[in-house]
Amino acid sequence: GRARFVSGSGSPILGKWGKNLAAARFEDFAQIAGDAHDIDVSGDLDAI
């Protein structure tokens, strides 16, 4: 089993969200999922 590092604040951080560990933070994963499903979540990340 291998860890996945993702970009975050200028340095790599460990992914923990999504089936392929694409994001380290919920907000980043929500943005990725929003883009994949054509949902603009950028203004609502905290609310989501």
All heavy atoms as atom14 arrays in JSON, in Angstrom:
{
  "sequence": "GRARFVSGSGSPILGKWGKNLAAARFEDFAQIAGDAHDIDVSGDLDAI",
  "atom14_mask": [
    [1, 1, 1, 1, 0, 0, 0, 0, 0, 0, 0, 0, 0, 0],
    [1, 1, 1, 1, 1, 1, 1, 1, 1, 1, 1, 0, 0, 0],
    [1, 1, 1, 1, 1, 0, 0, 0, 0, 0, 0, 0, 0, 0],
    [1, 1, 1, 1, 1, 1, 1, 1, 1, 1, 1, 0, 0, 0],
    [1, 1, 1, 1, 1, 1, 1, 1, 1, 1, 1, 0, 0, 0],
    [1, 1, 1, 1, 1, 1, 1, 0, 0, 0, 0, 0, 0, 0],
    [1, 1, 1, 1, 1, 1, 0, 0, 0, 0, 0, 0, 0, 0],
    [1, 1, 1, 1, 0, 0, 0, 0, 0, 0, 0, 0, 0, 0],
    [1, 1, 1, 1, 1, 1, 0, 0, 0, 0, 0, 0, 0, 0],
    [1, 1, 1, 1, 0, 0, 0, 0, 0, 0, 0, 0, 0, 0],
    [1, 1, 1, 1, 1, 1, 0, 0, 0, 0, 0, 0, 0, 0],
    [1, 1, 1, 1, 1, 1, 1, 0, 0, 0, 0, 0, 0, 0],
    [1, 1, 1, 1, 1, 1, 1, 1, 0, 0, 0, 0, 0, 0],
    [1, 1, 1, 1, 1, 1, 1, 1, 0, 0, 0, 0, 0, 0],
    [1, 1, 1, 1, 0, 0, 0, 0, 0, 0, 0, 0, 0, 0],
    [1, 1, 1, 1, 1, 1, 1, 1, 1, 0, 0, 0, 0, 0],
    [1, 1, 1, 1, 1, 1, 1, 1, 1, 1, 1, 1, 1, 1],
    [1, 1, 1, 1, 0, 0, 0, 0, 0, 0, 0, 0, 0, 0],
    [1, 1, 1, 1, 1, 1, 1, 1, 1, 0, 0, 0, 0, 0],
    [1, 1, 1, 1, 1, 1, 1, 1, 0, 0, 0, 0, 0, 0],
    [1, 1, 1, 1, 1, 1, 1, 1, 0, 0, 0, 0, 0, 0],
    [1, 1, 1, 1, 1, 0, 0, 0, 0, 0, 0, 0, 0, 0],
    [1, 1, 1, 1, 1, 0, 0, 0, 0, 0, 0, 0, 0, 0],
    [1, 1, 1, 1, 1, 0, 0, 0, 0, 0, 0, 0, 0, 0],
    [1, 1, 1, 1, 1, 1, 1, 1, 1, 1, 1, 0, 0, 0],
    [1, 1, 1, 1, 1, 1, 1, 1, 1, 1, 1, 0, 0, 0],
    [1, 1, 1, 1, 1, 1, 1, 1, 1, 0, 0, 0, 0, 0],
    [1, 1, 1, 1, 1, 1, 1, 1, 0, 0, 0, 0, 0, 0],
    [1, 1, 1, 1, 1, 1, 1, 1, 1, 1, 1, 0, 0, 0],
    [1, 1, 1, 1, 1, 0, 0, 0, 0, 0, 0, 0, 0, 0],
    [1, 1, 1, 1, 1, 1, 1, 1, 1, 0, 0, 0, 0, 0],
    [1, 1, 1, 1, 1, 1, 1, 1, 0, 0, 0, 0, 0, 0],
    [1, 1, 1, 1, 1, 0, 0, 0, 0, 0, 0, 0, 0, 0],
    [1, 1, 1, 1, 0, 0, 0, 0, 0, 0, 0, 0, 0, 0],
    [1, 1, 1, 1, 1, 1, 1, 1, 0, 0, 0, 0, 0, 0],
    [1, 1, 1, 1, 1, 0, 0, 0, 0, 0, 0, 0, 0, 0],
    [1, 1, 1, 1, 1, 1, 1, 1, 1, 1, 0, 0, 0, 0],
    [1, 1, 1, 1, 1, 1, 1, 1, 0, 0, 0, 0, 0, 0],
    [1, 1, 1, 1, 1, 1, 1, 1, 0, 0, 0, 0, 0, 0],
    [1, 1, 1, 1, 1, 1, 1, 1, 0, 0, 0, 0, 0, 0],
    [1, 1, 1, 1, 1, 1, 1, 0, 0, 0, 0, 0, 0, 0],
    [1, 1, 1, 1, 1, 1, 0, 0, 0, 0, 0, 0, 0, 0],
    [1, 1, 1, 1, 0, 0, 0, 0, 0, 0, 0, 0, 0, 0],
    [1, 1, 1, 1, 1, 1, 1, 1, 0, 0, 0, 0, 0, 0],
    [1, 1, 1, 1, 1, 1, 1, 1, 0, 0, 0, 0, 0, 0],
    [1, 1, 1, 1, 1, 1, 1, 1, 0, 0, 0, 0, 0, 0],
    [1, 1, 1, 1, 1, 0, 0, 0, 0, 0, 0, 0, 0, 0],
    [1, 1, 1, 1, 1, 1, 1, 1, 0, 0, 0, 0, 0, 0]
  ],
  "atom14_positions": [
    [[0.85, -1.19, 0.0], [0.0, 0.0, 0.0], [0.88, 1.23, 0.0], [1.88, 1.28, 0.71], [0.0, 0.0, 0.0], [0.0, 0.0, 0.0], [0.0, 0.0, 0.0], [0.0, 0.0, 0.0], [0.0, 0.0, 0.0], [0.0, 0.0, 0.0], [0.0, 0.0, 0.0], [0.0, 0.0, 0.0], [0.0, 0.0, 0.0], [0.0, 0.0, 0.0]],
    [[0.49, 2.2, -0.83], [1.32, 3.41, -0.9], [0.49, 4.65, -0.61], [-0.7, 4.73, -0.95], [2.02, 3.52, -2.24], [1.14, 3.88, -3.39], [1.94, 4.17, -4.66], [1.05, 4.6, -5.72], [0.74, 5.87, -5.97], [1.24, 6.83, -5.24], [-0.1, 6.17, -6.95], [0.0, 0.0, 0.0], [0.0, 0.0, 0.0], [0.0, 0.0, 0.0]],
    [[1.14, 5.61, 0.02], [0.52, 6.9, 0.28], [0.5, 7.7, -1.02], [1.3, 7.45, -1.93], [1.31, 7.65, 1.34], [0.0, 0.0, 0.0], [0.0, 0.0, 0.0], [0.0, 0.0, 0.0], [0.0, 0.0, 0.0], [0.0, 0.0, 0.0], [0.0, 0.0, 0.0], [0.0, 0.0, 0.0], [0.0, 0.0, 0.0], [0.0, 0.0, 0.0]],
    [[-0.41, 8.64, -1.1], [-0.45, 9.52, -2.25], [-0.26, 10.95, -1.75], [-0.98, 11.41, -0.88], [-1.76, 9.42, -3.01], [-1.8, 10.44, -4.15], [-2.84, 10.16, -5.16], [-2.7, 11.13, -6.25], [-3.66, 11.4, -7.09], [-4.81, 10.77, -7.0], [-3.47, 12.29, -8.04], [0.0, 0.0, 0.0], [0.0, 0.0, 0.0], [0.0, 0.0, 0.0]],
    [[0.71, 11.61, -2.32], [0.95, 13.01, -2.0], [0.28, 13.88, -3.05], [0.31, 13.57, -4.24], [2.45, 13.29, -1.95], [3.11, 12.68, -0.75], [3.61, 11.39, -0.8], [3.22, 13.38, 0.45], [4.21, 10.81, 0.29], [3.81, 12.81, 1.56], [4.32, 11.51, 1.48], [0.0, 0.0, 0.0], [0.0, 0.0, 0.0], [0.0, 0.0, 0.0]],
    [[-0.35, 14.94, -2.58], [-1.01, 15.89, -3.47], [-0.47, 17.27, -3.18], [0.14, 17.51, -2.14], [-2.55, 15.85, -3.31], [-3.11, 14.49, -3.71], [-2.97, 16.19, -1.89], [0.0, 0.0, 0.0], [0.0, 0.0, 0.0], [0.0, 0.0, 0.0], [0.0, 0.0, 0.0], [0.0, 0.0, 0.0], [0.0, 0.0, 0.0], [0.0, 0.0, 0.0]],
    [[-0.69, 18.2, -4.09], [-0.2, 19.56, -3.91], [-1.05, 20.27, -2.88], [-2.27, 20.14, -2.85], [-0.27, 20.3, -5.25], [0.14, 21.63, -5.1], [0.0, 0.0, 0.0], [0.0, 0.0, 0.0], [0.0, 0.0, 0.0], [0.0, 0.0, 0.0], [0.0, 0.0, 0.0], [0.0, 0.0, 0.0], [0.0, 0.0, 0.0], [0.0, 0.0, 0.0]],
    [[-0.4, 21.05, -2.04], [-1.14, 21.82, -1.05], [-0.3, 22.92, -0.47], [0.75, 22.67, 0.11], [0.0, 0.0, 0.0], [0.0, 0.0, 0.0], [0.0, 0.0, 0.0], [0.0, 0.0, 0.0], [0.0, 0.0, 0.0], [0.0, 0.0, 0.0], [0.0, 0.0, 0.0], [0.0, 0.0, 0.0], [0.0, 0.0, 0.0], [0.0, 0.0, 0.0]],
    [[-0.73, 24.15, -0.65], [-0.04, 25.32, -0.09], [1.44, 25.34, -0.44], [2.28, 25.66, 0.4], [-0.23, 25.37, 1.42], [-1.6, 25.38, 1.75], [0.0, 0.0, 0.0], [0.0, 0.0, 0.0], [0.0, 0.0, 0.0], [0.0, 0.0, 0.0], [0.0, 0.0, 0.0], [0.0, 0.0, 0.0], [0.0, 0.0, 0.0], [0.0, 0.0, 0.0]],
    [[1.77, 24.93, -1.63], [3.15, 25.0, -2.09], [4.02, 23.82, -1.71], [5.18, 23.77, -2.07], [0.0, 0.0, 0.0], [0.0, 0.0, 0.0], [0.0, 0.0, 0.0], [0.0, 0.0, 0.0], [0.0, 0.0, 0.0], [0.0, 0.0, 0.0], [0.0, 0.0, 0.0], [0.0, 0.0, 0.0], [0.0, 0.0, 0.0], [0.0, 0.0, 0.0]],
    [[3.5, 22.86, -0.97], [4.29, 21.68, -0.63], [3.4, 20.45, -0.68], [2.18, 20.54, -0.53], [4.91, 21.84, 0.76], [3.9, 21.96, 1.74], [0.0, 0.0, 0.0], [0.0, 0.0, 0.0], [0.0, 0.0, 0.0], [0.0, 0.0, 0.0], [0.0, 0.0, 0.0], [0.0, 0.0, 0.0], [0.0, 0.0, 0.0], [0.0, 0.0, 0.0]],
    [[3.99, 19.28, -0.89], [3.18, 18.07, -0.96], [2.6, 17.69, 0.4], [3.28, 17.82, 1.42], [4.16, 17.01, -1.46], [5.51, 17.56, -1.25], [5.4, 19.03, -1.13], [0.0, 0.0, 0.0], [0.0, 0.0, 0.0], [0.0, 0.0, 0.0], [0.0, 0.0, 0.0], [0.0, 0.0, 0.0], [0.0, 0.0, 0.0], [0.0, 0.0, 0.0]],
    [[1.35, 17.28, 0.4], [0.68, 16.8, 1.61], [-0.03, 15.5, 1.27], [-0.3, 15.2, 0.11], [-0.29, 17.84, 2.2], [-1.24, 18.39, 1.12], [0.47, 18.98, 2.84], [-2.21, 19.43, 1.63], [0.0, 0.0, 0.0], [0.0, 0.0, 0.0], [0.0, 0.0, 0.0], [0.0, 0.0, 0.0], [0.0, 0.0, 0.0], [0.0, 0.0, 0.0]],
    [[-0.33, 14.71, 2.29], [-0.93, 13.39, 2.08], [-2.42, 13.5, 1.75], [-3.17, 14.17, 2.45], [-0.73, 12.53, 3.32], [0.7, 12.06, 3.54], [0.9, 11.59, 4.96], [1.04, 10.96, 2.56], [0.0, 0.0, 0.0], [0.0, 0.0, 0.0], [0.0, 0.0, 0.0], [0.0, 0.0, 0.0], [0.0, 0.0, 0.0], [0.0, 0.0, 0.0]],
    [[-2.82, 12.81, 0.69], [-4.22, 12.77, 0.32], [-5.01, 11.85, 1.23], [-4.49, 10.85, 1.72], [0.0, 0.0, 0.0], [0.0, 0.0, 0.0], [0.0, 0.0, 0.0], [0.0, 0.0, 0.0], [0.0, 0.0, 0.0], [0.0, 0.0, 0.0], [0.0, 0.0, 0.0], [0.0, 0.0, 0.0], [0.0, 0.0, 0.0], [0.0, 0.0, 0.0]],
    [[-6.27, 12.18, 1.48], [-7.14, 11.31, 2.28], [-8.59, 11.31, 1.8], [-9.39, 10.53, 2.27], [-7.08, 11.7, 3.76], [-7.6, 13.09, 4.07], [-7.45, 13.39, 5.56], [-7.78, 14.82, 5.9], [-7.56, 15.11, 7.31], [0.0, 0.0, 0.0], [0.0, 0.0, 0.0], [0.0, 0.0, 0.0], [0.0, 0.0, 0.0], [0.0, 0.0, 0.0]],
    [[-8.93, 12.16, 0.84], [-10.3, 12.24, 0.33], [-10.38, 11.64, -1.06], [-9.53, 11.88, -1.91], [-10.76, 13.69, 0.28], [-10.91, 14.31, 1.63], [-9.95, 15.02, 2.3], [-12.05, 14.27, 2.47], [-10.45, 15.42, 3.51], [-11.74, 14.98, 3.65], [-13.31, 13.7, 2.35], [-12.63, 15.14, 4.69], [-14.22, 13.86, 3.4], [-13.88, 14.58, 4.55]],
    [[-11.43, 10.87, -1.31], [-11.69, 10.31, -2.62], [-11.1, 8.92, -2.8], [-10.14, 8.56, -2.14], [0.0, 0.0, 0.0], [0.0, 0.0, 0.0], [0.0, 0.0, 0.0], [0.0, 0.0, 0.0], [0.0, 0.0, 0.0], [0.0, 0.0, 0.0], [0.0, 0.0, 0.0], [0.0, 0.0, 0.0], [0.0, 0.0, 0.0], [0.0, 0.0, 0.0]],
    [[-11.7, 8.15, -3.69], [-11.27, 6.76, -3.86], [-9.86, 6.64, -4.41], [-9.25, 5.59, -4.31], [-12.27, 5.96, -4.69], [-12.32, 6.32, -6.14], [-13.32, 5.42, -6.86], [-13.3, 5.69, -8.35], [-14.17, 4.78, -9.05], [0.0, 0.0, 0.0], [0.0, 0.0, 0.0], [0.0, 0.0, 0.0], [0.0, 0.0, 0.0], [0.0, 0.0, 0.0]],
    [[-9.33, 7.72, -4.99], [-7.93, 7.68, -5.43], [-7.06, 8.66, -4.64], [-5.99, 9.02, -5.07], [-7.83, 7.93, -6.93], [-8.3, 9.32, -7.32], [-8.78, 10.08, -6.49], [-8.16, 9.65, -8.58], [0.0, 0.0, 0.0], [0.0, 0.0, 0.0], [0.0, 0.0, 0.0], [0.0, 0.0, 0.0], [0.0, 0.0, 0.0], [0.0, 0.0, 0.0]],
    [[-7.57, 9.08, -3.47], [-6.85, 9.98, -2.57], [-6.42, 11.26, -3.28], [-5.31, 11.75, -3.12], [-5.64, 9.28, -1.95], [-5.95, 8.05, -1.1], [-4.67, 7.32, -0.72], [-6.75, 8.42, 0.13], [0.0, 0.0, 0.0], [0.0, 0.0, 0.0], [0.0, 0.0, 0.0], [0.0, 0.0, 0.0], [0.0, 0.0, 0.0], [0.0, 0.0, 0.0]],
    [[-7.33, 11.85, -4.03], [-7.01, 13.0, -4.86], [-6.84, 14.3, -4.09], [-6.31, 15.27, -4.63], [-8.11, 13.18, -5.91], [0.0, 0.0, 0.0], [0.0, 0.0, 0.0], [0.0, 0.0, 0.0], [0.0, 0.0, 0.0], [0.0, 0.0, 0.0], [0.0, 0.0, 0.0], [0.0, 0.0, 0.0], [0.0, 0.0, 0.0], [0.0, 0.0, 0.0]],
    [[-7.28, 14.35, -2.84], [-7.23, 15.62, -2.11], [-6.91, 15.39, -0.64], [-7.28, 14.36, -0.06], [-8.57, 16.34, -2.24], [0.0, 0.0, 0.0], [0.0, 0.0, 0.0], [0.0, 0.0, 0.0], [0.0, 0.0, 0.0], [0.0, 0.0, 0.0], [0.0, 0.0, 0.0], [0.0, 0.0, 0.0], [0.0, 0.0, 0.0], [0.0, 0.0, 0.0]],
    [[-6.25, 16.37, -0.06], [-5.92, 16.31, 1.37], [-6.99, 17.0, 2.21], [-7.15, 16.7, 3.39], [-4.57, 16.97, 1.63], [0.0, 0.0, 0.0], [0.0, 0.0, 0.0], [0.0, 0.0, 0.0], [0.0, 0.0, 0.0], [0.0, 0.0, 0.0], [0.0, 0.0, 0.0], [0.0, 0.0, 0.0], [0.0, 0.0, 0.0], [0.0, 0.0, 0.0]],
    [[-7.73, 17.92, 1.6], [-8.76, 18.66, 2.33], [-10.13, 18.43, 1.7], [-10.23, 18.24, 0.48], [-8.45, 20.16, 2.3], [-7.14, 20.56, 2.91], [-6.84, 22.05, 2.81], [-7.36, 22.67, 1.61], [-8.06, 23.82, 1.6], [-8.31, 24.46, 2.7], [-8.5, 24.31, 0.46], [0.0, 0.0, 0.0], [0.0, 0.0, 0.0], [0.0, 0.0, 0.0]],
    [[-11.17, 18.48, 2.51], [-12.53, 18.33, 2.01], [-12.81, 19.35, 0.91], [-13.39, 19.02, -0.12], [-13.54, 18.51, 3.15], [-14.97, 18.47, 2.69], [-15.65, 17.27, 2.6], [-15.64, 19.64, 2.32], [-16.97, 17.22, 2.15], [-16.94, 19.6, 1.88], [-17.61, 18.39, 1.79], [0.0, 0.0, 0.0], [0.0, 0.0, 0.0], [0.0, 0.0, 0.0]],
    [[-12.41, 20.59, 1.13], [-12.69, 21.65, 0.18], [-12.07, 21.37, -1.18], [-12.68, 21.63, -2.22], [-12.19, 23.0, 0.72], [-12.94, 23.48, 1.95], [-12.47, 22.84, 3.26], [-11.6, 21.93, 3.25], [-12.97, 23.26, 4.32], [0.0, 0.0, 0.0], [0.0, 0.0, 0.0], [0.0, 0.0, 0.0], [0.0, 0.0, 0.0], [0.0, 0.0, 0.0]],
    [[-10.85, 20.84, -1.17], [-10.2, 20.5, -2.45], [-10.93, 19.37, -3.15], [-11.12, 19.38, -4.37], [-8.74, 20.1, -2.21], [-7.91, 21.24, -1.63], [-8.24, 22.41, -1.89], [-6.95, 20.94, -0.9], [0.0, 0.0, 0.0], [0.0, 0.0, 0.0], [0.0, 0.0, 0.0], [0.0, 0.0, 0.0], [0.0, 0.0, 0.0], [0.0, 0.0, 0.0]],
    [[-11.36, 18.37, -2.36], [-12.09, 17.26, -2.97], [-13.45, 17.73, -3.5], [-13.88, 17.31, -4.59], [-12.28, 16.11, -1.99], [-12.93, 14.93, -2.64], [-12.26, 14.2, -3.61], [-14.23, 14.57, -2.32], [-12.88, 13.13, -4.25], [-14.84, 13.5, -2.95], [-14.17, 12.78, -3.92], [0.0, 0.0, 0.0], [0.0, 0.0, 0.0], [0.0, 0.0, 0.0]],
    [[-14.12, 18.61, -2.76], [-15.41, 19.14, -3.23], [-15.21, 19.88, -4.55], [-16.05, 19.77, -5.46], [-16.02, 20.07, -2.18], [0.0, 0.0, 0.0], [0.0, 0.0, 0.0], [0.0, 0.0, 0.0], [0.0, 0.0, 0.0], [0.0, 0.0, 0.0], [0.0, 0.0, 0.0], [0.0, 0.0, 0.0], [0.0, 0.0, 0.0], [0.0, 0.0, 0.0]],
    [[-14.11, 20.61, -4.68], [-13.83, 21.32, -5.92], [-13.59, 20.33, -7.07], [-14.11, 20.5, -8.17], [-12.61, 22.23, -5.76], [-12.37, 23.16, -6.92], [-13.43, 24.23, -7.01], [-13.65, 24.98, -6.07], [-14.11, 24.31, -8.15], [0.0, 0.0, 0.0], [0.0, 0.0, 0.0], [0.0, 0.0, 0.0], [0.0, 0.0, 0.0], [0.0, 0.0, 0.0]],
    [[-12.82, 19.27, -6.8], [-12.55, 18.24, -7.82], [-13.86, 17.57, -8.24], [-14.14, 17.4, -9.42], [-11.55, 17.2, -7.28], [-10.16, 17.83, -7.12], [-11.49, 15.98, -8.2], [-9.19, 16.99, -6.32], [0.0, 0.0, 0.0], [0.0, 0.0, 0.0], [0.0, 0.0, 0.0], [0.0, 0.0, 0.0], [0.0, 0.0, 0.0], [0.0, 0.0, 0.0]],
    [[-14.67, 17.2, -7.24], [-15.95, 16.54, -7.54], [-16.89, 17.49, -8.27], [-17.58, 17.09, -9.21], [-16.6, 16.03, -6.26], [0.0, 0.0, 0.0], [0.0, 0.0, 0.0], [0.0, 0.0, 0.0], [0.0, 0.0, 0.0], [0.0, 0.0, 0.0], [0.0, 0.0, 0.0], [0.0, 0.0, 0.0], [0.0, 0.0, 0.0], [0.0, 0.0, 0.0]],
    [[-16.91, 18.75, -7.85], [-17.74, 19.74, -8.53], [-17.35, 19.89, -9.99], [-18.2, 19.91, -10.88], [0.0, 0.0, 0.0], [0.0, 0.0, 0.0], [0.0, 0.0, 0.0], [0.0, 0.0, 0.0], [0.0, 0.0, 0.0], [0.0, 0.0, 0.0], [0.0, 0.0, 0.0], [0.0, 0.0, 0.0], [0.0, 0.0, 0.0], [0.0, 0.0, 0.0]],
    [[-16.04, 19.98, -10.25], [-15.57, 20.08, -11.63], [-15.97, 18.85, -12.44], [-16.39, 18.96, -13.59], [-14.05, 20.26, -11.67], [-13.59, 21.62, -11.14], [-14.45, 22.52, -10.96], [-12.38, 21.77, -10.9], [0.0, 0.0, 0.0], [0.0, 0.0, 0.0], [0.0, 0.0, 0.0], [0.0, 0.0, 0.0], [0.0, 0.0, 0.0], [0.0, 0.0, 0.0]],
    [[-15.84, 17.67, -11.84], [-16.16, 16.43, -12.55], [-17.65, 16.34, -12.89], [-18.03, 15.72, -13.88], [-15.74, 15.22, -11.7], [0.0, 0.0, 0.0], [0.0, 0.0, 0.0], [0.0, 0.0, 0.0], [0.0, 0.0, 0.0], [0.0, 0.0, 0.0], [0.0, 0.0, 0.0], [0.0, 0.0, 0.0], [0.0, 0.0, 0.0], [0.0, 0.0, 0.0]],
    [[-18.49, 16.95, -12.06], [-19.95, 16.88, -12.26], [-20.53, 18.19, -12.77], [-21.75, 18.38, -12.74], [-20.63, 16.44, -10.96], [-20.25, 15.08, -10.52], [-20.65, 13.94, -11.17], [-19.45, 14.67, -9.5], [-20.14, 12.88, -10.56], [-19.41, 13.29, -9.55], [0.0, 0.0, 0.0], [0.0, 0.0, 0.0], [0.0, 0.0, 0.0], [0.0, 0.0, 0.0]],
    [[-19.65, 19.1, -13.19], [-20.06, 20.39, -13.73], [-20.93, 21.17, -12.74], [-22.0, 21.69, -13.1], [-20.77, 20.2, -15.08], [-20.8, 21.5, -15.88], [-19.9, 22.34, -15.67], [-21.74, 21.67, -16.68], [0.0, 0.0, 0.0], [0.0, 0.0, 0.0], [0.0, 0.0, 0.0], [0.0, 0.0, 0.0], [0.0, 0.0, 0.0], [0.0, 0.0, 0.0]],
    [[-20.48, 21.22, -11.49], [-21.16, 21.98, -10.44], [-20.19, 23.04, -9.94], [-19.08, 22.72, -9.51], [-21.57, 21.08, -9.25], [-22.48, 19.94, -9.72], [-22.26, 21.89, -8.17], [-22.71, 18.88, -8.65], [0.0, 0.0, 0.0], [0.0, 0.0, 0.0], [0.0, 0.0, 0.0], [0.0, 0.0, 0.0], [0.0, 0.0, 0.0], [0.0, 0.0, 0.0]],
    [[-20.58, 24.3, -10.0], [-19.72, 25.37, -9.5], [-19.88, 25.45, -7.99], [-20.88, 25.95, -7.48], [-20.09, 26.7, -10.15], [-19.2, 27.83, -9.67], [-18.19, 27.57, -8.99], [-19.53, 29.0, -9.97], [0.0, 0.0, 0.0], [0.0, 0.0, 0.0], [0.0, 0.0, 0.0], [0.0, 0.0, 0.0], [0.0, 0.0, 0.0], [0.0, 0.0, 0.0]],
    [[-18.89, 24.93, -7.28], [-18.93, 24.93, -5.81], [-18.04, 26.01, -5.21], [-18.0, 26.16, -3.99], [-18.52, 23.55, -5.24], [-19.47, 22.46, -5.72], [-17.09, 23.22, -5.59], [0.0, 0.0, 0.0], [0.0, 0.0, 0.0], [0.0, 0.0, 0.0], [0.0, 0.0, 0.0], [0.0, 0.0, 0.0], [0.0, 0.0, 0.0], [0.0, 0.0, 0.0]],
    [[-17.35, 26.76, -6.04], [-16.31, 27.67, -5.55], [-16.8, 28.67, -4.51], [-16.09, 28.99, -3.58], [-15.64, 28.39, -6.72], [-16.61, 29.09, -7.48], [0.0, 0.0, 0.0], [0.0, 0.0, 0.0], [0.0, 0.0, 0.0], [0.0, 0.0, 0.0], [0.0, 0.0, 0.0], [0.0, 0.0, 0.0], [0.0, 0.0, 0.0], [0.0, 0.0, 0.0]],
    [[-18.01, 29.17, -4.64], [-18.51, 30.14, -3.67], [-19.17, 29.53, -2.46], [-19.52, 30.25, -1.52], [0.0, 0.0, 0.0], [0.0, 0.0, 0.0], [0.0, 0.0, 0.0], [0.0, 0.0, 0.0], [0.0, 0.0, 0.0], [0.0, 0.0, 0.0], [0.0, 0.0, 0.0], [0.0, 0.0, 0.0], [0.0, 0.0, 0.0], [0.0, 0.0, 0.0]],
    [[-19.35, 28.22, -2.46], [-20.1, 27.56, -1.39], [-19.31, 26.51, -0.63], [-19.9, 25.66, 0.04], [-21.35, 26.87, -1.97], [-22.47, 27.85, -2.27], [-22.5, 28.93, -1.66], [-23.33, 27.52, -3.1], [0.0, 0.0, 0.0], [0.0, 0.0, 0.0], [0.0, 0.0, 0.0], [0.0, 0.0, 0.0], [0.0, 0.0, 0.0], [0.0, 0.0, 0.0]],
    [[-17.99, 26.5, -0.71], [-17.22, 25.4, -0.11], [-17.45, 25.26, 1.39], [-17.64, 24.15, 1.88], [-15.73, 25.56, -0.42], [-15.37, 25.32, -1.89], [-13.92, 25.69, -2.15], [-15.64, 23.88, -2.28], [0.0, 0.0, 0.0], [0.0, 0.0, 0.0], [0.0, 0.0, 0.0], [0.0, 0.0, 0.0], [0.0, 0.0, 0.0], [0.0, 0.0, 0.0]],
    [[-17.44, 26.36, 2.12], [-17.69, 26.27, 3.57], [-19.11, 25.79, 3.85], [-19.34, 24.96, 4.73], [-17.47, 27.62, 4.26], [-16.0, 27.99, 4.34], [-15.14, 27.08, 4.25], [-15.7, 29.19, 4.49], [0.0, 0.0, 0.0], [0.0, 0.0, 0.0], [0.0, 0.0, 0.0], [0.0, 0.0, 0.0], [0.0, 0.0, 0.0], [0.0, 0.0, 0.0]],
    [[-20.06, 26.29, 3.1], [-21.45, 25.9, 3.29], [-21.66, 24.43, 2.95], [-22.4, 23.72, 3.64], [-22.37, 26.77, 2.43], [0.0, 0.0, 0.0], [0.0, 0.0, 0.0], [0.0, 0.0, 0.0], [0.0, 0.0, 0.0], [0.0, 0.0, 0.0], [0.0, 0.0, 0.0], [0.0, 0.0, 0.0], [0.0, 0.0, 0.0], [0.0, 0.0, 0.0]],
    [[-21.01, 23.96, 1.89], [-21.13, 22.54, 1.52], [-20.53, 21.67, 2.61], [-21.12, 20.68, 3.03], [-20.48, 22.29, 0.14], [-21.32, 22.95, -0.95], [-20.33, 20.79, -0.12], [-20.66, 23.0, -2.31], [0.0, 0.0, 0.0], [0.0, 0.0, 0.0], [0.0, 0.0, 0.0], [0.0, 0.0, 0.0], [0.0, 0.0, 0.0], [0.0, 0.0, 0.0]]
  ]
}
